Amino acid sequence: MIVHPAVVVHGLDHVRAALRQGWPVTLLSAPGAAGFAGCLWWRGLIGQARSEFPAAVLDEVLDCGDAPGHAMAALRIGQLRLVLDPACPAFPAVTAAAATLGAMVLRSRPPALDLAHSGAARRLESWLRGDSTDPLG
């Protein structure tokens, strides 16, 4: 379950922009990021975020697309929230493995403000406050 508003981040600048606002946030990777950027990149990005903003209230979710191997690799290195396409034949096995680790596999991406979209930065604070329901993708 996602508790805080989700923001799609594509790098450290986006993470900093989201956390600088001072509101609780869920950092969400780009769709399929586990496949093209890697789970180690994501863990490093989140580690840097926690280092630079130690008081921040944040959750984070890595999108694994339809790649169960990437999802399992992410679980092995401590990723506790993933998105994995439920049409993937290995979805039940990944979900079972996640449960044994206290992790969660989401069937779909939560609504999120994508900071790569034009105008998103200007809408960020209102999105995090919960004042906006139109996330710009």
C-alpha atoms as a PDB file:
ATOM      1  CA  MET A   1       0.000   0.000   0.000  1.00  0.00           C
ATOM      2  CA  ILE A   2       1.239   3.455  -0.892  1.00  0.00           C
ATOM      3  CA  VAL A   3       0.555   6.024   1.832  1.00  0.00           C
ATOM      4  CA  HIS A   4       2.280   9.183   0.613  1.00  0.00           C
ATOM      5  CA  PRO A   5       1.827  10.956  -2.741  1.00  0.00           C
ATOM      6  CA  ALA A   6       4.063   9.376  -5.383  1.00  0.00           C
ATOM      7  CA  VAL A   7       6.567  11.291  -7.488  1.00  0.00           C
ATOM      8  CA  VAL A   8       8.372   9.709 -10.443  1.00  0.00           C
ATOM      9  CA  VAL A   9      12.068  10.515 -10.195  1.00  0.00           C
ATOM     10  CA  HIS A  10      14.635   9.952 -12.923  1.00  0.00           C
ATOM     11  CA  GLY A  11      17.785  10.942 -11.062  1.00  0.00           C
ATOM     12  CA  LEU A  12      19.266  12.713  -8.080  1.00  0.00           C
ATOM     13  CA  ASP A  13      18.070  16.179  -9.135  1.00  0.00           C
ATOM     14  CA  HIS A  14      14.469  14.960  -9.133  1.00  0.00           C
ATOM     15  CA  VAL A  15      14.938  13.244  -5.770  1.00  0.00           C
ATOM     16  CA  ARG A  16      16.338  16.443  -4.280  1.00  0.00           C
ATOM     17  CA  ALA A  17      13.488  18.511  -5.719  1.00  0.00           C
ATOM     18  CA  ALA A  18      10.903  16.155  -4.223  1.00  0.00           C
ATOM     19  CA  LEU A  19      12.524  15.946  -0.796  1.00  0.00           C
ATOM     20  CA  ARG A  20      13.357  19.645  -0.568  1.00  0.00           C
ATOM     21  CA  GLN A  21       9.618  20.343  -0.331  1.00  0.00           C
ATOM     22  CA  GLY A  22       9.568  18.826   3.164  1.00  0.00           C
ATOM     23  CA  TRP A  23       6.389  16.783   2.649  1.00  0.00           C
ATOM     24  CA  PRO A  24       6.091  12.993   3.035  1.00  0.00           C
ATOM     25  CA  VAL A  25       6.623  11.406  -0.373  1.00  0.00           C
ATOM     26  CA  THR A  26       6.839   8.101  -2.196  1.00  0.00           C
ATOM     27  CA  LEU A  27       9.705   8.117  -4.679  1.00  0.00           C
ATOM     28  CA  LEU A  28       8.731   6.000  -7.688  1.00  0.00           C
ATOM     29  CA  SER A  29      11.117   4.922 -10.418  1.00  0.00           C
ATOM     30  CA  ALA A  30      10.352   5.284 -14.094  1.00  0.00           C
ATOM     31  CA  PRO A  31       8.375   2.409 -15.643  1.00  0.00           C
ATOM     32  CA  GLY A  32      10.643  -0.616 -16.020  1.00  0.00           C
ATOM     33  CA  ALA A  33      13.632   1.175 -14.461  1.00  0.00           C
ATOM     34  CA  ALA A  34      14.930  -2.033 -12.896  1.00  0.00           C
ATOM     35  CA  GLY A  35      15.633  -3.262 -16.419  1.00  0.00           C
ATOM     36  CA  PHE A  36      17.364  -0.238 -17.914  1.00  0.00           C
ATOM     37  CA  ALA A  37      18.900   1.505 -14.885  1.00  0.00           C
ATOM     38  CA  GLY A  38      19.220  -1.447 -12.520  1.00  0.00           C
ATOM     39  CA  CYS A  39      18.253  -2.171  -8.958  1.00  0.00           C
ATOM     40  CA  LEU A  40      21.711  -1.223  -7.666  1.00  0.00           C
ATOM     41  CA  TRP A  41      21.340   2.212  -9.254  1.00  0.00           C
ATOM     42  CA  TRP A  42      17.984   2.610  -7.512  1.00  0.00           C
ATOM     43  CA  ARG A  43      19.330   1.497  -4.126  1.00  0.00           C
ATOM     44  CA  GLY A  44      22.234   3.935  -4.542  1.00  0.00           C
ATOM     45  CA  LEU A  45      19.866   6.768  -5.431  1.00  0.00           C
ATOM     46  CA  ILE A  46      17.693   6.055  -2.407  1.00  0.00           C
ATOM     47  CA  GLY A  47      20.761   5.747  -0.173  1.00  0.00           C
ATOM     48  CA  GLN A  48      21.945   9.166  -1.337  1.00  0.00           C
ATOM     49  CA  ALA A  49      18.466  10.590  -0.698  1.00  0.00           C
ATOM     50  CA  ARG A  50      18.405   9.254   2.844  1.00  0.00           C
ATOM     51  CA  SER A  51      21.932  10.561   3.440  1.00  0.00           C
ATOM     52  CA  GLU A  52      21.168  14.081   2.207  1.00  0.00           C
ATOM     53  CA  PHE A  53      17.684  14.272   3.784  1.00  0.00           C
ATOM     54  CA  PRO A  54      17.894  12.160   6.965  1.00  0.00           C
ATOM     55  CA  ALA A  55      14.709  13.626   8.451  1.00  0.00           C
ATOM     56  CA  ALA A  56      12.639  13.092   5.298  1.00  0.00           C
ATOM     57  CA  VAL A  57       9.558  10.913   5.494  1.00  0.00           C
ATOM     58  CA  LEU A  58       9.781   8.822   2.358  1.00  0.00           C
ATOM     59  CA  ASP A  59       8.799   5.532   0.854  1.00  0.00           C
ATOM     60  CA  GLU A  60      10.185   4.252  -2.413  1.00  0.00           C
ATOM     61  CA  VAL A  61       9.078   1.870  -5.132  1.00  0.00           C
ATOM     62  CA  LEU A  62      11.132   0.321  -7.932  1.00  0.00           C
ATOM     63  CA  ASP A  63       9.260  -0.556 -11.111  1.00  0.00           C
ATOM     64  CA  CYS A  64      10.390  -3.900 -12.532  1.00  0.00           C
ATOM     65  CA  GLY A  65       8.030  -3.909 -15.525  1.00  0.00           C
ATOM     66  CA  ASP A  66       7.364  -7.499 -16.558  1.00  0.00           C
ATOM     67  CA  ALA A  67      10.819  -8.792 -15.544  1.00  0.00           C
ATOM     68  CA  PRO A  68      10.651 -11.210 -12.599  1.00  0.00           C
ATOM     69  CA  GLY A  69      14.431 -11.680 -12.641  1.00  0.00           C
ATOM     70  CA  HIS A  70      14.938  -7.979 -11.994  1.00  0.00           C
ATOM     71  CA  ALA A  71      12.315  -8.121  -9.241  1.00  0.00           C
ATOM     72  CA  MET A  72      14.066 -11.043  -7.549  1.00  0.00           C
ATOM     73  CA  ALA A  73      17.435  -9.295  -7.831  1.00  0.00           C
ATOM     74  CA  ALA A  74      15.935  -6.194  -6.241  1.00  0.00           C
ATOM     75  CA  LEU A  75      14.486  -8.244  -3.387  1.00  0.00           C
ATOM     76  CA  ARG A  76      17.877  -9.875  -2.808  1.00  0.00           C
ATOM     77  CA  ILE A  77      19.515  -6.489  -2.242  1.00  0.00           C
ATOM     78  CA  GLY A  78      16.844  -5.230   0.134  1.00  0.00           C
ATOM     79  CA  GLN A  79      14.220  -3.537  -2.040  1.00  0.00           C
ATOM     80  CA  LEU A  80      10.964  -3.732  -0.081  1.00  0.00           C
ATOM     81  CA  ARG A  81       8.471  -2.255  -2.559  1.00  0.00           C
ATOM     82  CA  LEU A  82       8.251  -3.219  -6.215  1.00  0.00           C
ATOM     83  CA  VAL A  83       5.913  -2.909  -9.148  1.00  0.00           C
ATOM     84  CA  LEU A  84       5.664  -6.045 -11.306  1.00  0.00           C
ATOM     85  CA  ASP A  85       3.216  -6.727 -14.120  1.00  0.00           C
ATOM     86  CA  PRO A  86       0.721  -9.318 -12.796  1.00  0.00           C
ATOM     87  CA  ALA A  87       0.513 -10.878 -16.295  1.00  0.00           C
ATOM     88  CA  CYS A  88       4.086 -12.077 -15.791  1.00  0.00           C
ATOM     89  CA  PRO A  89       3.930 -15.894 -15.299  1.00  0.00           C
ATOM     90  CA  ALA A  90       6.309 -15.679 -12.324  1.00  0.00           C
ATOM     91  CA  PHE A  91       4.215 -13.039 -10.539  1.00  0.00           C
ATOM     92  CA  PRO A  92       2.916 -15.483  -7.860  1.00  0.00           C
ATOM     93  CA  ALA A  93       6.446 -16.749  -7.140  1.00  0.00           C
ATOM     94  CA  VAL A  94       7.866 -13.230  -6.842  1.00  0.00           C
ATOM     95  CA  THR A  95       4.984 -12.195  -4.601  1.00  0.00           C
ATOM     96  CA  ALA A  96       5.548 -15.240  -2.376  1.00  0.00           C
ATOM     97  CA  ALA A  97       9.283 -14.528  -2.149  1.00  0.00           C
ATOM     98  CA  ALA A  98       8.565 -10.889  -1.309  1.00  0.00           C
ATOM     99  CA  ALA A  99       6.174 -11.896   1.461  1.00  0.00           C
ATOM    100  CA  THR A 100       8.847 -14.001   3.158  1.00  0.00           C
ATOM    101  CA  LEU A 101      11.065 -10.902   3.227  1.00  0.00           C
ATOM    102  CA  GLY A 102       8.388  -8.508   4.443  1.00  0.00           C
ATOM    103  CA  ALA A 103       8.365  -6.847   1.021  1.00  0.00           C
ATOM    104  CA  MET A 104       5.410  -5.844  -1.141  1.00  0.00           C
ATOM    105  CA  VAL A 105       4.792  -6.315  -4.851  1.00  0.00           C
ATOM    106  CA  LEU A 106       2.342  -3.875  -6.415  1.00  0.00           C
ATOM    107  CA  ARG A 107       0.268  -4.992  -9.407  1.00  0.00           C
ATOM    108  CA  SER A 108       0.245  -1.505 -10.909  1.00  0.00           C
ATOM    109  CA  ARG A 109       1.900   1.861 -10.543  1.00  0.00           C
ATOM    110  CA  PRO A 110       0.263   4.309  -8.153  1.00  0.00           C
ATOM    111  CA  PRO A 111      -0.916   7.678  -9.482  1.00  0.00           C
ATOM    112  CA  ALA A 112       2.187   9.845  -9.594  1.00  0.00           C
ATOM    113  CA  LEU A 113       3.535  13.210 -10.664  1.00  0.00           C
ATOM    114  CA  ASP A 114       6.341  12.568 -13.153  1.00  0.00           C
ATOM    115  CA  LEU A 115       9.029  15.193 -12.683  1.00  0.00           C
ATOM    116  CA  ALA A 116      10.251  14.666 -16.247  1.00  0.00           C
ATOM    117  CA  HIS A 117       7.045  16.171 -17.628  1.00  0.00           C
ATOM    118  CA  SER A 118       6.845  19.821 -18.544  1.00  0.00           C
ATOM    119  CA  GLY A 119       5.292  21.860 -15.736  1.00  0.00           C
ATOM    120  CA  ALA A 120       5.594  19.122 -13.123  1.00  0.00           C
ATOM    121  CA  ALA A 121       8.135  20.977 -10.968  1.00  0.00           C
ATOM    122  CA  ARG A 122       5.762  23.905 -10.637  1.00  0.00           C
ATOM    123  CA  ARG A 123       2.975  21.549  -9.464  1.00  0.00           C
ATOM    124  CA  LEU A 124       5.126  19.515  -7.093  1.00  0.00           C
ATOM    125  CA  GLU A 125       4.278  21.225  -3.802  1.00  0.00           C
ATOM    126  CA  SER A 126       0.523  21.122  -4.379  1.00  0.00           C
ATOM    127  CA  TRP A 127       0.766  17.451  -5.432  1.00  0.00           C
ATOM    128  CA  LEU A 128       2.635  16.539  -2.242  1.00  0.00           C
ATOM    129  CA  ARG A 129       0.155  18.512  -0.104  1.00  0.00           C
ATOM    130  CA  GLY A 130      -2.649  16.510  -1.707  1.00  0.00           C
ATOM    131  CA  ASP A 131      -4.192  19.534  -3.399  1.00  0.00           C
ATOM    132  CA  SER A 132      -4.053  18.066  -6.907  1.00  0.00           C
ATOM    133  CA  THR A 133      -5.605  14.990  -8.455  1.00  0.00           C
ATOM    134  CA  ASP A 134      -4.216  15.445 -11.969  1.00  0.00           C
ATOM    135  CA  PRO A 135      -0.647  14.068 -11.809  1.00  0.00           C
ATOM    136  CA  LEU A 136       0.529  14.746 -15.395  1.00  0.00           C
ATOM    137  CA  GLY A 137       1.353  11.080 -15.858  1.00  0.00           C
END
